[in-house]
N, C-alpha and C. Protein backbone atom coordinates (compact mmCIF):
# COMPACT_ATOMS: atom_id res chain seq x y z
N MET A 1 -0.39 -14.67 -17.38
CA MET A 1 -0.22 -13.57 -16.42
C MET A 1 0.56 -14.06 -15.22
N LYS A 2 1.69 -13.42 -14.94
CA LYS A 2 2.47 -13.74 -13.75
C LYS A 2 2.03 -12.87 -12.58
N ILE A 3 2.36 -13.33 -11.38
CA ILE A 3 1.88 -12.67 -10.17
C ILE A 3 3.05 -12.09 -9.38
N ALA A 4 2.91 -10.82 -9.00
CA ALA A 4 3.87 -10.17 -8.12
C ALA A 4 3.21 -9.95 -6.76
N LEU A 5 3.88 -10.37 -5.72
CA LEU A 5 3.36 -10.20 -4.37
C LEU A 5 3.75 -8.83 -3.83
N SER A 6 2.76 -8.01 -3.52
CA SER A 6 3.02 -6.75 -2.83
C SER A 6 3.12 -7.02 -1.34
N ILE A 7 4.22 -6.59 -0.72
CA ILE A 7 4.42 -6.89 0.70
C ILE A 7 3.97 -5.73 1.60
N LEU A 8 3.24 -4.78 1.04
CA LEU A 8 2.82 -3.60 1.80
C LEU A 8 1.99 -3.96 3.02
N THR A 9 1.15 -4.99 2.91
CA THR A 9 0.30 -5.39 4.03
C THR A 9 0.81 -6.63 4.74
N LEU A 10 2.05 -7.00 4.48
CA LEU A 10 2.64 -8.18 5.13
C LEU A 10 2.80 -7.93 6.63
N ASP A 11 2.61 -8.98 7.43
CA ASP A 11 2.80 -8.91 8.87
C ASP A 11 4.30 -8.90 9.17
N PHE A 12 4.85 -7.74 9.47
CA PHE A 12 6.29 -7.62 9.66
C PHE A 12 6.75 -8.09 11.04
N SER A 13 5.82 -8.48 11.90
CA SER A 13 6.22 -9.04 13.20
C SER A 13 6.77 -10.46 13.04
N ASN A 14 6.43 -11.07 11.90
CA ASN A 14 6.91 -12.43 11.62
C ASN A 14 7.36 -12.48 10.16
N VAL A 15 8.12 -11.46 9.76
CA VAL A 15 8.34 -11.23 8.35
C VAL A 15 9.14 -12.34 7.67
N GLU A 16 10.12 -12.89 8.33
CA GLU A 16 10.98 -13.86 7.66
C GLU A 16 10.21 -15.12 7.28
N ASN A 17 9.50 -15.72 8.24
CA ASN A 17 8.74 -16.94 7.94
C ASN A 17 7.60 -16.68 6.97
N LYS A 18 6.88 -15.59 7.20
CA LYS A 18 5.73 -15.27 6.35
C LYS A 18 6.19 -14.95 4.92
N PHE A 19 7.24 -14.17 4.82
CA PHE A 19 7.75 -13.77 3.50
C PHE A 19 8.26 -14.98 2.72
N ARG A 20 9.04 -15.81 3.37
CA ARG A 20 9.57 -17.01 2.69
C ARG A 20 8.43 -17.86 2.14
N SER A 21 7.40 -18.07 2.94
CA SER A 21 6.28 -18.91 2.55
C SER A 21 5.54 -18.34 1.34
N LEU A 22 5.24 -17.05 1.38
CA LEU A 22 4.49 -16.44 0.30
C LEU A 22 5.33 -16.32 -0.98
N ALA A 23 6.61 -16.02 -0.82
CA ALA A 23 7.47 -15.81 -1.98
C ALA A 23 7.59 -17.07 -2.84
N GLU A 24 7.46 -18.23 -2.23
CA GLU A 24 7.60 -19.48 -2.97
C GLU A 24 6.57 -19.61 -4.08
N GLY A 25 5.36 -19.08 -3.86
CA GLY A 25 4.28 -19.32 -4.81
C GLY A 25 4.11 -18.27 -5.89
N VAL A 26 4.81 -17.12 -5.78
CA VAL A 26 4.62 -16.04 -6.75
C VAL A 26 5.82 -15.94 -7.69
N ASP A 27 5.70 -15.07 -8.69
CA ASP A 27 6.74 -14.92 -9.70
C ASP A 27 7.69 -13.76 -9.42
N TYR A 28 7.15 -12.70 -8.85
CA TYR A 28 7.92 -11.49 -8.53
C TYR A 28 7.54 -11.03 -7.12
N ILE A 29 8.43 -10.21 -6.53
CA ILE A 29 8.12 -9.52 -5.29
C ILE A 29 8.04 -8.04 -5.60
N HIS A 30 6.91 -7.42 -5.23
CA HIS A 30 6.68 -6.01 -5.53
C HIS A 30 6.92 -5.18 -4.26
N MET A 31 7.87 -4.25 -4.35
CA MET A 31 8.24 -3.41 -3.22
C MET A 31 7.68 -2.00 -3.42
N ASP A 32 6.74 -1.59 -2.57
CA ASP A 32 6.19 -0.24 -2.64
C ASP A 32 6.99 0.68 -1.72
N ILE A 33 7.74 1.60 -2.31
CA ILE A 33 8.59 2.51 -1.55
C ILE A 33 7.93 3.88 -1.55
N MET A 34 7.53 4.34 -0.38
CA MET A 34 6.78 5.60 -0.25
C MET A 34 7.56 6.59 0.61
N ASP A 35 7.51 7.87 0.20
CA ASP A 35 8.33 8.89 0.86
C ASP A 35 7.54 9.90 1.69
N ALA A 36 6.22 9.73 1.80
CA ALA A 36 5.36 10.66 2.54
C ALA A 36 5.32 12.05 1.90
N GLU A 37 5.76 12.13 0.66
CA GLU A 37 5.71 13.39 -0.09
C GLU A 37 4.95 13.20 -1.39
N PHE A 38 5.36 12.23 -2.19
CA PHE A 38 4.64 11.93 -3.42
C PHE A 38 3.27 11.32 -3.10
N VAL A 39 3.23 10.51 -2.04
CA VAL A 39 1.97 9.94 -1.53
C VAL A 39 1.91 10.21 -0.02
N PRO A 40 0.71 10.26 0.55
CA PRO A 40 0.58 10.58 1.98
C PRO A 40 0.79 9.37 2.89
N ASN A 41 1.90 8.68 2.68
CA ASN A 41 2.21 7.51 3.49
C ASN A 41 3.71 7.27 3.40
N ILE A 42 4.23 6.46 4.30
CA ILE A 42 5.63 6.10 4.27
C ILE A 42 5.72 4.60 4.50
N SER A 43 6.64 3.94 3.81
CA SER A 43 6.71 2.48 3.96
C SER A 43 8.06 2.07 4.51
N PHE A 44 9.01 1.74 3.65
CA PHE A 44 10.32 1.28 4.11
C PHE A 44 11.37 1.66 3.08
N GLY A 45 12.64 1.47 3.44
CA GLY A 45 13.71 1.89 2.57
C GLY A 45 14.54 0.76 2.03
N TYR A 46 15.70 1.10 1.48
CA TYR A 46 16.52 0.11 0.79
C TYR A 46 17.16 -0.90 1.72
N SER A 47 17.30 -0.59 3.01
CA SER A 47 17.87 -1.58 3.93
C SER A 47 16.93 -2.78 4.10
N ILE A 48 15.62 -2.54 4.09
CA ILE A 48 14.64 -3.63 4.17
C ILE A 48 14.70 -4.46 2.88
N VAL A 49 14.79 -3.78 1.75
CA VAL A 49 14.90 -4.49 0.48
C VAL A 49 16.13 -5.38 0.47
N ALA A 50 17.24 -4.86 0.96
CA ALA A 50 18.48 -5.65 1.01
C ALA A 50 18.35 -6.86 1.93
N ASN A 51 17.67 -6.70 3.06
CA ASN A 51 17.47 -7.82 3.98
C ASN A 51 16.56 -8.89 3.38
N LEU A 52 15.50 -8.47 2.70
CA LEU A 52 14.60 -9.43 2.06
C LEU A 52 15.26 -10.13 0.89
N ARG A 53 16.21 -9.46 0.27
CA ARG A 53 16.93 -10.06 -0.86
C ARG A 53 17.64 -11.35 -0.43
N LYS A 54 18.01 -11.45 0.84
CA LYS A 54 18.70 -12.64 1.35
C LYS A 54 17.77 -13.84 1.48
N LEU A 55 16.44 -13.60 1.43
CA LEU A 55 15.47 -14.64 1.71
C LEU A 55 14.89 -15.31 0.48
N THR A 56 15.11 -14.73 -0.70
CA THR A 56 14.53 -15.30 -1.92
C THR A 56 15.35 -14.87 -3.13
N ASP A 57 15.28 -15.67 -4.19
CA ASP A 57 15.92 -15.29 -5.44
C ASP A 57 14.89 -14.82 -6.47
N LYS A 58 13.63 -14.64 -6.04
CA LYS A 58 12.61 -14.13 -6.95
C LYS A 58 12.93 -12.68 -7.35
N PRO A 59 12.61 -12.29 -8.58
CA PRO A 59 12.90 -10.91 -9.02
C PRO A 59 12.18 -9.88 -8.16
N PHE A 60 12.88 -8.81 -7.83
CA PHE A 60 12.31 -7.70 -7.08
C PHE A 60 11.88 -6.60 -8.05
N ASP A 61 10.61 -6.28 -7.99
CA ASP A 61 9.98 -5.22 -8.78
C ASP A 61 9.78 -4.04 -7.81
N THR A 62 10.72 -3.09 -7.82
CA THR A 62 10.72 -2.01 -6.84
C THR A 62 10.04 -0.77 -7.41
N HIS A 63 8.97 -0.36 -6.74
CA HIS A 63 8.09 0.72 -7.21
C HIS A 63 8.31 1.95 -6.35
N LEU A 64 8.98 2.95 -6.92
CA LEU A 64 9.30 4.16 -6.18
C LEU A 64 8.16 5.17 -6.27
N MET A 65 7.33 5.22 -5.22
CA MET A 65 6.30 6.24 -5.11
C MET A 65 6.94 7.43 -4.39
N MET A 66 7.84 8.09 -5.10
CA MET A 66 8.68 9.12 -4.51
C MET A 66 8.68 10.37 -5.38
N MET A 67 8.76 11.53 -4.73
CA MET A 67 8.78 12.79 -5.47
C MET A 67 10.09 12.96 -6.24
N HIS A 68 11.19 12.47 -5.67
CA HIS A 68 12.50 12.62 -6.31
C HIS A 68 13.19 11.25 -6.42
N PRO A 69 12.67 10.37 -7.25
CA PRO A 69 13.21 9.00 -7.35
C PRO A 69 14.66 8.97 -7.80
N GLN A 70 15.07 9.97 -8.57
CA GLN A 70 16.42 10.01 -9.11
C GLN A 70 17.50 10.03 -8.01
N ASN A 71 17.11 10.42 -6.80
CA ASN A 71 18.07 10.52 -5.70
C ASN A 71 18.33 9.18 -5.00
N TYR A 72 17.56 8.13 -5.36
CA TYR A 72 17.63 6.87 -4.62
C TYR A 72 17.83 5.64 -5.49
N ILE A 73 18.02 5.84 -6.76
CA ILE A 73 18.10 4.70 -7.69
C ILE A 73 19.28 3.80 -7.38
N ASN A 74 20.44 4.37 -7.19
CA ASN A 74 21.63 3.54 -6.95
C ASN A 74 21.50 2.70 -5.69
N GLN A 75 20.87 3.26 -4.65
CA GLN A 75 20.70 2.51 -3.40
C GLN A 75 19.79 1.31 -3.58
N PHE A 76 18.68 1.49 -4.31
CA PHE A 76 17.76 0.37 -4.50
C PHE A 76 18.31 -0.64 -5.50
N ALA A 77 19.11 -0.19 -6.44
CA ALA A 77 19.77 -1.14 -7.34
C ALA A 77 20.76 -1.99 -6.55
N SER A 78 21.54 -1.35 -5.69
CA SER A 78 22.52 -2.07 -4.88
C SER A 78 21.86 -3.02 -3.89
N ALA A 79 20.62 -2.69 -3.48
CA ALA A 79 19.90 -3.53 -2.52
C ALA A 79 19.37 -4.82 -3.13
N GLY A 80 19.39 -4.92 -4.47
CA GLY A 80 19.00 -6.17 -5.10
C GLY A 80 17.79 -6.13 -6.00
N SER A 81 17.38 -4.93 -6.43
CA SER A 81 16.22 -4.81 -7.33
C SER A 81 16.58 -5.23 -8.75
N GLN A 82 15.69 -5.98 -9.40
CA GLN A 82 15.86 -6.29 -10.81
C GLN A 82 15.17 -5.24 -11.69
N TYR A 83 14.06 -4.71 -11.20
CA TYR A 83 13.33 -3.64 -11.88
C TYR A 83 13.18 -2.48 -10.90
N ILE A 84 13.35 -1.27 -11.40
CA ILE A 84 13.02 -0.07 -10.63
C ILE A 84 12.06 0.76 -11.46
N THR A 85 10.89 1.00 -10.90
CA THR A 85 9.83 1.74 -11.58
C THR A 85 9.57 3.04 -10.83
N PHE A 86 9.46 4.13 -11.57
CA PHE A 86 9.15 5.43 -10.97
C PHE A 86 7.96 6.05 -11.68
N HIS A 87 7.40 7.08 -11.08
CA HIS A 87 6.20 7.71 -11.63
C HIS A 87 6.53 8.84 -12.58
N VAL A 88 5.82 8.85 -13.70
CA VAL A 88 6.00 9.91 -14.67
C VAL A 88 5.55 11.25 -14.07
N GLU A 89 4.72 11.21 -13.02
CA GLU A 89 4.24 12.43 -12.37
C GLU A 89 5.22 12.99 -11.34
N ALA A 90 6.32 12.28 -11.10
CA ALA A 90 7.30 12.71 -10.10
C ALA A 90 8.07 13.95 -10.59
N ASP A 91 8.80 14.56 -9.67
CA ASP A 91 9.58 15.76 -9.98
C ASP A 91 10.97 15.32 -10.45
N CYS A 92 11.05 14.89 -11.69
CA CYS A 92 12.32 14.43 -12.26
C CYS A 92 12.26 14.53 -13.77
N ASP A 93 13.41 14.48 -14.40
CA ASP A 93 13.47 14.39 -15.85
C ASP A 93 13.27 12.91 -16.21
N VAL A 94 12.19 12.60 -16.89
CA VAL A 94 11.80 11.21 -17.11
C VAL A 94 12.85 10.44 -17.90
N MET A 95 13.30 10.98 -19.02
CA MET A 95 14.26 10.24 -19.84
C MET A 95 15.59 10.08 -19.12
N SER A 96 16.01 11.10 -18.41
CA SER A 96 17.25 11.02 -17.65
C SER A 96 17.16 9.97 -16.56
N THR A 97 16.00 9.87 -15.92
CA THR A 97 15.81 8.89 -14.85
C THR A 97 15.78 7.47 -15.40
N ILE A 98 15.17 7.27 -16.55
CA ILE A 98 15.19 5.96 -17.22
C ILE A 98 16.64 5.55 -17.48
N ASN A 99 17.42 6.46 -18.02
CA ASN A 99 18.83 6.16 -18.31
C ASN A 99 19.63 5.91 -17.04
N GLN A 100 19.32 6.64 -15.99
CA GLN A 100 20.02 6.45 -14.73
C GLN A 100 19.77 5.05 -14.17
N ILE A 101 18.53 4.57 -14.27
CA ILE A 101 18.20 3.22 -13.81
C ILE A 101 18.98 2.18 -14.61
N LYS A 102 19.00 2.35 -15.92
CA LYS A 102 19.72 1.39 -16.76
C LYS A 102 21.22 1.44 -16.51
N ASP A 103 21.74 2.62 -16.25
CA ASP A 103 23.16 2.76 -15.94
C ASP A 103 23.52 2.07 -14.63
N ALA A 104 22.52 1.92 -13.75
CA ALA A 104 22.73 1.23 -12.46
C ALA A 104 22.69 -0.29 -12.62
N GLY A 105 22.43 -0.75 -13.85
CA GLY A 105 22.46 -2.18 -14.12
C GLY A 105 21.16 -2.92 -13.90
N VAL A 106 20.04 -2.18 -13.81
CA VAL A 106 18.73 -2.83 -13.64
C VAL A 106 17.78 -2.36 -14.73
N LYS A 107 16.61 -2.98 -14.78
CA LYS A 107 15.62 -2.66 -15.80
C LYS A 107 14.74 -1.51 -15.33
N ALA A 108 14.36 -0.67 -16.30
CA ALA A 108 13.65 0.57 -15.97
C ALA A 108 12.16 0.48 -16.28
N GLY A 109 11.36 0.98 -15.34
CA GLY A 109 9.92 1.02 -15.55
C GLY A 109 9.36 2.39 -15.24
N ILE A 110 8.23 2.73 -15.87
CA ILE A 110 7.50 3.94 -15.54
C ILE A 110 6.09 3.57 -15.13
N SER A 111 5.53 4.39 -14.26
CA SER A 111 4.19 4.13 -13.74
C SER A 111 3.31 5.35 -13.93
N ILE A 112 2.01 5.10 -14.11
CA ILE A 112 1.04 6.18 -14.23
C ILE A 112 -0.07 6.01 -13.20
N LYS A 113 -0.46 7.13 -12.61
CA LYS A 113 -1.55 7.17 -11.65
C LYS A 113 -2.89 7.10 -12.40
N PRO A 114 -3.99 6.88 -11.68
CA PRO A 114 -5.29 6.73 -12.35
C PRO A 114 -5.71 7.90 -13.24
N ASN A 115 -5.29 9.12 -12.92
CA ASN A 115 -5.70 10.27 -13.73
C ASN A 115 -4.73 10.61 -14.86
N THR A 116 -3.69 9.78 -15.03
CA THR A 116 -2.72 10.01 -16.10
C THR A 116 -3.00 9.06 -17.26
N SER A 117 -3.03 9.59 -18.46
CA SER A 117 -3.36 8.79 -19.64
C SER A 117 -2.13 8.09 -20.20
N VAL A 118 -2.36 7.06 -20.97
CA VAL A 118 -1.28 6.35 -21.65
C VAL A 118 -0.58 7.28 -22.65
N GLU A 119 -1.33 8.17 -23.25
CA GLU A 119 -0.76 9.09 -24.24
C GLU A 119 0.37 9.94 -23.65
N GLU A 120 0.30 10.19 -22.36
CA GLU A 120 1.32 11.02 -21.72
C GLU A 120 2.67 10.32 -21.58
N ILE A 121 2.70 9.01 -21.77
CA ILE A 121 3.97 8.28 -21.67
C ILE A 121 4.37 7.60 -22.97
N GLU A 122 3.61 7.82 -24.03
CA GLU A 122 3.88 7.11 -25.29
C GLU A 122 5.31 7.31 -25.80
N LYS A 123 5.85 8.51 -25.65
CA LYS A 123 7.18 8.78 -26.19
C LYS A 123 8.28 8.04 -25.44
N TYR A 124 7.97 7.53 -24.23
CA TYR A 124 8.97 6.81 -23.44
C TYR A 124 8.90 5.29 -23.63
N LEU A 125 7.85 4.82 -24.26
CA LEU A 125 7.63 3.37 -24.35
C LEU A 125 8.75 2.60 -25.06
N PRO A 126 9.42 3.17 -26.07
CA PRO A 126 10.51 2.41 -26.69
C PRO A 126 11.71 2.17 -25.77
N TYR A 127 11.78 2.90 -24.66
CA TYR A 127 12.99 2.89 -23.83
C TYR A 127 12.84 2.17 -22.50
N VAL A 128 11.63 1.72 -22.18
CA VAL A 128 11.42 1.14 -20.86
C VAL A 128 11.22 -0.38 -20.95
N ASP A 129 11.43 -1.03 -19.81
CA ASP A 129 11.29 -2.48 -19.71
C ASP A 129 9.97 -2.88 -19.04
N MET A 130 9.31 -1.92 -18.40
CA MET A 130 8.05 -2.19 -17.72
C MET A 130 7.20 -0.92 -17.69
N VAL A 131 5.90 -1.11 -17.82
CA VAL A 131 4.94 -0.02 -17.60
C VAL A 131 3.96 -0.50 -16.53
N LEU A 132 3.85 0.28 -15.46
CA LEU A 132 2.98 -0.07 -14.35
C LEU A 132 1.77 0.85 -14.34
N VAL A 133 0.60 0.28 -14.52
CA VAL A 133 -0.65 1.03 -14.46
C VAL A 133 -1.23 0.90 -13.06
N MET A 134 -1.44 2.04 -12.41
CA MET A 134 -2.07 2.02 -11.09
C MET A 134 -3.58 1.97 -11.25
N SER A 135 -4.18 0.92 -10.69
CA SER A 135 -5.64 0.78 -10.75
C SER A 135 -6.29 1.20 -9.44
N VAL A 136 -5.49 1.85 -8.58
CA VAL A 136 -5.96 2.55 -7.38
C VAL A 136 -5.07 3.79 -7.24
N GLU A 137 -5.44 4.70 -6.36
CA GLU A 137 -4.57 5.82 -6.05
C GLU A 137 -3.39 5.30 -5.23
N PRO A 138 -2.17 5.57 -5.64
CA PRO A 138 -1.02 5.04 -4.91
C PRO A 138 -0.93 5.60 -3.49
N GLY A 139 -0.46 4.73 -2.57
CA GLY A 139 -0.22 5.19 -1.21
C GLY A 139 -0.73 4.26 -0.13
N PHE A 140 -1.78 3.51 -0.41
CA PHE A 140 -2.36 2.64 0.61
C PHE A 140 -2.85 1.33 -0.01
N GLY A 141 -2.69 0.24 0.72
CA GLY A 141 -3.19 -1.04 0.26
C GLY A 141 -4.66 -1.20 0.56
N GLY A 142 -5.27 -2.22 -0.06
CA GLY A 142 -6.65 -2.56 0.25
C GLY A 142 -7.72 -1.75 -0.45
N GLN A 143 -7.35 -0.92 -1.44
CA GLN A 143 -8.34 -0.11 -2.15
C GLN A 143 -9.05 -0.92 -3.23
N LYS A 144 -10.19 -0.38 -3.69
CA LYS A 144 -10.96 -1.04 -4.73
C LYS A 144 -10.41 -0.71 -6.11
N PHE A 145 -10.46 -1.71 -6.97
CA PHE A 145 -10.00 -1.61 -8.36
C PHE A 145 -10.79 -0.57 -9.13
N MET A 146 -10.08 0.28 -9.89
CA MET A 146 -10.72 1.28 -10.75
C MET A 146 -10.82 0.73 -12.18
N PRO A 147 -12.04 0.55 -12.70
CA PRO A 147 -12.22 -0.05 -14.03
C PRO A 147 -11.56 0.72 -15.16
N SER A 148 -11.28 2.00 -14.97
CA SER A 148 -10.63 2.79 -16.04
C SER A 148 -9.27 2.23 -16.41
N ALA A 149 -8.66 1.45 -15.52
CA ALA A 149 -7.35 0.85 -15.80
C ALA A 149 -7.42 -0.19 -16.91
N ILE A 150 -8.58 -0.77 -17.14
CA ILE A 150 -8.73 -1.81 -18.17
C ILE A 150 -8.39 -1.25 -19.55
N ASP A 151 -8.94 -0.08 -19.86
CA ASP A 151 -8.66 0.53 -21.16
C ASP A 151 -7.18 0.88 -21.31
N LYS A 152 -6.54 1.22 -20.21
CA LYS A 152 -5.11 1.59 -20.27
C LYS A 152 -4.23 0.38 -20.60
N VAL A 153 -4.47 -0.74 -19.92
CA VAL A 153 -3.63 -1.90 -20.21
C VAL A 153 -3.93 -2.46 -21.60
N LYS A 154 -5.17 -2.33 -22.03
CA LYS A 154 -5.52 -2.75 -23.38
C LYS A 154 -4.78 -1.90 -24.42
N LYS A 155 -4.74 -0.59 -24.19
CA LYS A 155 -4.03 0.32 -25.09
C LYS A 155 -2.54 0.02 -25.10
N LEU A 156 -1.97 -0.26 -23.94
CA LEU A 156 -0.54 -0.57 -23.85
C LEU A 156 -0.20 -1.85 -24.60
N LYS A 157 -1.10 -2.83 -24.55
CA LYS A 157 -0.87 -4.06 -25.30
C LYS A 157 -0.92 -3.80 -26.79
N GLU A 158 -1.87 -2.99 -27.24
CA GLU A 158 -1.98 -2.65 -28.66
C GLU A 158 -0.72 -1.94 -29.16
N LEU A 159 -0.22 -1.00 -28.37
CA LEU A 159 0.98 -0.26 -28.76
C LEU A 159 2.20 -1.18 -28.77
N LYS A 160 2.26 -2.06 -27.80
CA LYS A 160 3.38 -3.01 -27.71
C LYS A 160 3.43 -3.90 -28.94
N GLU A 161 2.29 -4.45 -29.32
CA GLU A 161 2.25 -5.36 -30.45
C GLU A 161 2.44 -4.63 -31.78
N LYS A 162 1.87 -3.46 -31.90
CA LYS A 162 1.97 -2.67 -33.14
C LYS A 162 3.41 -2.25 -33.42
N ASN A 163 4.14 -1.86 -32.35
CA ASN A 163 5.48 -1.30 -32.51
C ASN A 163 6.60 -2.26 -32.14
N ASN A 164 6.21 -3.48 -31.77
CA ASN A 164 7.20 -4.49 -31.37
C ASN A 164 8.05 -4.02 -30.18
N TYR A 165 7.39 -3.39 -29.20
CA TYR A 165 8.07 -2.95 -27.99
C TYR A 165 8.30 -4.15 -27.07
N ASN A 166 9.18 -3.97 -26.11
CA ASN A 166 9.58 -5.09 -25.25
C ASN A 166 9.18 -4.94 -23.78
N TYR A 167 8.43 -3.92 -23.42
CA TYR A 167 8.10 -3.71 -22.01
C TYR A 167 7.07 -4.73 -21.49
N LEU A 168 7.20 -5.04 -20.21
CA LEU A 168 6.17 -5.80 -19.52
C LEU A 168 5.05 -4.86 -19.12
N ILE A 169 3.82 -5.33 -19.25
CA ILE A 169 2.66 -4.55 -18.80
C ILE A 169 2.28 -5.07 -17.42
N ASN A 170 2.33 -4.17 -16.46
CA ASN A 170 2.08 -4.51 -15.06
C ASN A 170 0.89 -3.68 -14.56
N ILE A 171 0.15 -4.20 -13.60
CA ILE A 171 -0.98 -3.47 -13.03
C ILE A 171 -0.99 -3.70 -11.52
N ASP A 172 -1.37 -2.65 -10.79
CA ASP A 172 -1.30 -2.69 -9.33
C ASP A 172 -2.48 -1.97 -8.72
N GLY A 173 -3.23 -2.70 -7.89
CA GLY A 173 -4.31 -2.06 -7.14
C GLY A 173 -5.63 -2.80 -7.23
N GLY A 174 -6.05 -3.41 -6.14
CA GLY A 174 -7.34 -4.07 -6.10
C GLY A 174 -7.42 -5.33 -6.93
N ILE A 175 -6.29 -5.97 -7.17
CA ILE A 175 -6.29 -7.19 -7.98
C ILE A 175 -6.64 -8.39 -7.11
N ASN A 176 -7.72 -9.07 -7.47
CA ASN A 176 -8.18 -10.25 -6.74
C ASN A 176 -8.89 -11.20 -7.71
N GLY A 177 -9.51 -12.23 -7.17
CA GLY A 177 -10.16 -13.22 -8.02
C GLY A 177 -11.31 -12.68 -8.84
N GLU A 178 -11.91 -11.57 -8.42
CA GLU A 178 -13.02 -10.98 -9.15
C GLU A 178 -12.57 -9.99 -10.21
N THR A 179 -11.52 -9.23 -9.92
CA THR A 179 -11.09 -8.20 -10.86
C THR A 179 -10.06 -8.69 -11.87
N ALA A 180 -9.25 -9.66 -11.51
CA ALA A 180 -8.18 -10.13 -12.39
C ALA A 180 -8.67 -10.63 -13.75
N PRO A 181 -9.82 -11.29 -13.86
CA PRO A 181 -10.26 -11.74 -15.18
C PRO A 181 -10.45 -10.61 -16.20
N TYR A 182 -10.69 -9.39 -15.72
CA TYR A 182 -10.89 -8.27 -16.64
C TYR A 182 -9.59 -7.80 -17.28
N ILE A 183 -8.46 -8.11 -16.66
CA ILE A 183 -7.18 -7.58 -17.16
C ILE A 183 -6.19 -8.68 -17.56
N SER A 184 -6.50 -9.93 -17.26
CA SER A 184 -5.52 -11.01 -17.41
C SER A 184 -5.02 -11.19 -18.84
N LYS A 185 -5.85 -10.91 -19.83
CA LYS A 185 -5.43 -11.12 -21.22
C LYS A 185 -4.65 -9.93 -21.79
N TYR A 186 -4.54 -8.85 -21.01
CA TYR A 186 -3.82 -7.67 -21.48
C TYR A 186 -2.49 -7.44 -20.78
N VAL A 187 -2.29 -8.04 -19.61
CA VAL A 187 -1.10 -7.76 -18.83
C VAL A 187 -0.15 -8.96 -18.79
N ASP A 188 1.12 -8.67 -18.55
CA ASP A 188 2.12 -9.72 -18.35
C ASP A 188 2.27 -10.06 -16.88
N LEU A 189 1.93 -9.09 -16.04
CA LEU A 189 2.20 -9.19 -14.61
C LEU A 189 1.13 -8.43 -13.86
N ALA A 190 0.68 -8.99 -12.74
CA ALA A 190 -0.31 -8.32 -11.89
C ALA A 190 0.17 -8.35 -10.44
N VAL A 191 0.06 -7.21 -9.79
CA VAL A 191 0.47 -7.09 -8.39
C VAL A 191 -0.75 -7.34 -7.50
N SER A 192 -0.57 -8.19 -6.50
CA SER A 192 -1.63 -8.45 -5.54
C SER A 192 -1.03 -8.45 -4.14
N GLY A 193 -1.68 -7.75 -3.23
CA GLY A 193 -1.16 -7.61 -1.88
C GLY A 193 -2.08 -8.16 -0.82
N SER A 194 -3.05 -7.35 -0.40
CA SER A 194 -3.92 -7.75 0.71
C SER A 194 -4.75 -8.98 0.38
N TYR A 195 -5.10 -9.17 -0.90
CA TYR A 195 -5.88 -10.35 -1.30
C TYR A 195 -5.13 -11.63 -0.96
N ILE A 196 -3.80 -11.59 -1.06
CA ILE A 196 -2.97 -12.75 -0.72
C ILE A 196 -2.54 -12.72 0.74
N CYS A 197 -1.97 -11.60 1.16
CA CYS A 197 -1.36 -11.52 2.50
C CYS A 197 -2.36 -11.70 3.62
N ASN A 198 -3.59 -11.24 3.42
CA ASN A 198 -4.58 -11.29 4.49
C ASN A 198 -5.48 -12.52 4.43
N ALA A 199 -5.17 -13.43 3.51
CA ALA A 199 -6.02 -14.61 3.33
C ALA A 199 -5.68 -15.70 4.35
N THR A 200 -6.69 -16.49 4.70
CA THR A 200 -6.47 -17.66 5.56
C THR A 200 -5.62 -18.70 4.83
N ASN A 201 -5.86 -18.81 3.52
CA ASN A 201 -5.08 -19.73 2.69
C ASN A 201 -4.47 -18.96 1.52
N PRO A 202 -3.32 -18.30 1.73
CA PRO A 202 -2.71 -17.49 0.67
C PRO A 202 -2.37 -18.28 -0.58
N ASP A 203 -1.92 -19.52 -0.42
CA ASP A 203 -1.54 -20.32 -1.59
C ASP A 203 -2.73 -20.55 -2.51
N GLU A 204 -3.90 -20.73 -1.94
CA GLU A 204 -5.11 -20.92 -2.73
C GLU A 204 -5.41 -19.66 -3.55
N ARG A 205 -5.23 -18.49 -2.93
CA ARG A 205 -5.47 -17.22 -3.63
C ARG A 205 -4.47 -17.04 -4.77
N ILE A 206 -3.23 -17.40 -4.54
CA ILE A 206 -2.22 -17.29 -5.60
C ILE A 206 -2.59 -18.18 -6.78
N GLU A 207 -3.04 -19.40 -6.50
CA GLU A 207 -3.43 -20.33 -7.55
C GLU A 207 -4.62 -19.81 -8.35
N ILE A 208 -5.55 -19.16 -7.67
CA ILE A 208 -6.72 -18.58 -8.36
C ILE A 208 -6.24 -17.57 -9.39
N LEU A 209 -5.32 -16.71 -9.01
CA LEU A 209 -4.82 -15.69 -9.92
C LEU A 209 -4.00 -16.29 -11.05
N LYS A 210 -3.21 -17.28 -10.75
CA LYS A 210 -2.33 -17.86 -11.76
C LYS A 210 -3.11 -18.62 -12.84
N LYS A 211 -4.29 -19.08 -12.51
CA LYS A 211 -5.08 -19.85 -13.47
C LYS A 211 -5.82 -18.97 -14.46
N LEU A 212 -5.84 -17.66 -14.22
CA LEU A 212 -6.60 -16.76 -15.08
C LEU A 212 -5.85 -16.44 -16.37
């Protein structure tokens, strides 16, 4: 299981030094992009992503929590994203948006909220490079892990192996030293934010997750 650092709770008053330090120990950087429409919060835009791109060569996993993700794909691709993931619940044509992401030269991912089943995205699985399961309600960091996500990542692994699909299985929300053991054997990638960013010793927390 590889680790993606969510920077949602990062201290942006000292972002360059803090970001550089944390980025060294993780495998991916997870960017939560919120529009205050799809979720009741707002985060940052593609200019921040472009600035952070100058500080690390780690892959950027950009998660568009946006009602109309199709309107911003080219900007986030140009900003340096390797993966762009959008929600199947968004107001867009799902297959068209997957193709638009790939046409922009990056890998395409789809995400499902806690109340959305894996069955609702099965027809898109042959075409995506990542599936992101939300184990909290999207919009805010620091929430508790929802155990219902375990069955979802397990199902995604079964479908991947049965059909020889190539997508990465990703999970986001409440991932820490206590919850990660429940999902580590089913996922390729796990997003962790406040558990790492708010720790006195972030490197120790990263190592705990990586050993699972």
